Amino acid sequence: MRFRRFYIEGAIYFVTTVVHQRAPMFSDAAMVELLLDTLR
């Protein structure tokens, strides 16, 4: 699968995420950092 990065200078993105069985994964700072690193 090919992914392309869409970029708009100065844009702000609001991302909502629901994980399997609504597990509170993003209450763990390491998981939040992993998500942010992936999005960067």
N, C-alpha and C. Protein backbone atom coordinates (compact mmCIF):
# COMPACT_ATOMS: atom_id res chain seq x y z
N MET A 1 0.84 -1.17 0.00
CA MET A 1 0.00 0.00 0.00
C MET A 1 0.90 1.24 0.00
N ARG A 2 0.55 2.22 -0.79
CA ARG A 2 1.33 3.45 -0.85
C ARG A 2 0.65 4.55 -0.05
N PHE A 3 1.43 5.22 0.76
CA PHE A 3 0.92 6.34 1.52
C PHE A 3 1.61 7.60 1.04
N ARG A 4 0.88 8.67 0.94
CA ARG A 4 1.46 9.96 0.58
C ARG A 4 1.20 10.93 1.71
N ARG A 5 2.16 11.76 1.95
CA ARG A 5 2.02 12.75 3.02
C ARG A 5 1.39 14.01 2.44
N PHE A 6 0.31 14.45 3.03
CA PHE A 6 -0.39 15.66 2.62
C PHE A 6 0.06 16.76 3.56
N TYR A 7 0.54 17.87 3.02
CA TYR A 7 1.09 18.93 3.86
C TYR A 7 0.53 20.28 3.45
N ILE A 8 0.05 21.02 4.41
CA ILE A 8 -0.35 22.41 4.22
C ILE A 8 0.41 23.22 5.27
N GLU A 9 1.25 24.15 4.80
CA GLU A 9 2.06 24.93 5.73
C GLU A 9 1.20 25.66 6.75
N GLY A 10 1.55 25.55 8.02
CA GLY A 10 0.85 26.23 9.09
C GLY A 10 -0.47 25.58 9.50
N ALA A 11 -0.79 24.44 8.92
CA ALA A 11 -2.06 23.78 9.23
C ALA A 11 -2.01 23.11 10.61
N ILE A 12 -3.16 22.99 11.22
CA ILE A 12 -3.31 22.28 12.49
C ILE A 12 -4.26 21.11 12.24
N TYR A 13 -3.90 19.94 12.72
CA TYR A 13 -4.71 18.75 12.51
C TYR A 13 -5.30 18.29 13.83
N PHE A 14 -6.55 17.92 13.80
CA PHE A 14 -7.24 17.37 14.97
C PHE A 14 -7.54 15.92 14.65
N VAL A 15 -6.95 15.01 15.41
CA VAL A 15 -7.09 13.58 15.14
C VAL A 15 -7.86 12.94 16.29
N THR A 16 -8.91 12.22 15.96
CA THR A 16 -9.62 11.45 16.96
C THR A 16 -9.36 9.98 16.70
N THR A 17 -9.20 9.22 17.76
CA THR A 17 -8.84 7.81 17.62
C THR A 17 -9.62 6.97 18.62
N VAL A 18 -10.15 5.87 18.15
CA VAL A 18 -10.76 4.88 19.03
C VAL A 18 -10.02 3.57 18.78
N VAL A 19 -9.56 2.95 19.85
CA VAL A 19 -8.82 1.70 19.72
C VAL A 19 -9.71 0.51 20.08
N HIS A 20 -9.21 -0.66 19.83
CA HIS A 20 -9.95 -1.90 20.09
C HIS A 20 -10.52 -1.91 21.50
N GLN A 21 -11.80 -2.12 21.59
CA GLN A 21 -12.55 -2.18 22.85
C GLN A 21 -12.35 -0.93 23.71
N ARG A 22 -12.08 0.18 23.04
CA ARG A 22 -11.91 1.48 23.70
C ARG A 22 -10.90 1.45 24.86
N ALA A 23 -9.85 0.66 24.67
CA ALA A 23 -8.78 0.59 25.68
C ALA A 23 -8.13 1.97 25.83
N PRO A 24 -7.81 2.38 27.05
CA PRO A 24 -7.26 3.73 27.28
C PRO A 24 -5.76 3.81 26.95
N MET A 25 -5.39 3.47 25.71
CA MET A 25 -3.99 3.43 25.30
C MET A 25 -3.29 4.78 25.43
N PHE A 26 -4.01 5.86 25.15
CA PHE A 26 -3.36 7.16 25.11
C PHE A 26 -3.31 7.85 26.47
N SER A 27 -3.61 7.11 27.52
CA SER A 27 -3.36 7.64 28.87
C SER A 27 -1.90 7.38 29.24
N ASP A 28 -1.21 6.57 28.42
CA ASP A 28 0.21 6.27 28.59
C ASP A 28 1.01 7.24 27.70
N ALA A 29 1.86 8.06 28.30
CA ALA A 29 2.61 9.08 27.56
C ALA A 29 3.47 8.47 26.46
N ALA A 30 4.00 7.27 26.66
CA ALA A 30 4.82 6.63 25.63
C ALA A 30 4.00 6.31 24.38
N MET A 31 2.74 5.94 24.57
CA MET A 31 1.87 5.65 23.43
C MET A 31 1.51 6.93 22.68
N VAL A 32 1.32 8.01 23.40
CA VAL A 32 1.05 9.31 22.77
C VAL A 32 2.26 9.73 21.94
N GLU A 33 3.46 9.57 22.50
CA GLU A 33 4.68 9.93 21.78
C GLU A 33 4.84 9.07 20.52
N LEU A 34 4.52 7.79 20.62
CA LEU A 34 4.59 6.91 19.45
C LEU A 34 3.64 7.38 18.36
N LEU A 35 2.43 7.76 18.73
CA LEU A 35 1.46 8.27 17.76
C LEU A 35 1.99 9.54 17.10
N LEU A 36 2.49 10.48 17.92
CA LEU A 36 3.00 11.75 17.38
C LEU A 36 4.19 11.52 16.45
N ASP A 37 5.08 10.63 16.83
CA ASP A 37 6.24 10.31 15.98
C ASP A 37 5.79 9.73 14.65
N THR A 38 4.75 8.93 14.68
CA THR A 38 4.22 8.32 13.46
C THR A 38 3.60 9.38 12.55
N LEU A 39 2.93 10.34 13.14
CA LEU A 39 2.27 11.38 12.35
C LEU A 39 3.24 12.43 11.81
N ARG A 40 4.40 12.55 12.41
CA ARG A 40 5.38 13.58 11.98
C ARG A 40 6.04 13.22 10.71
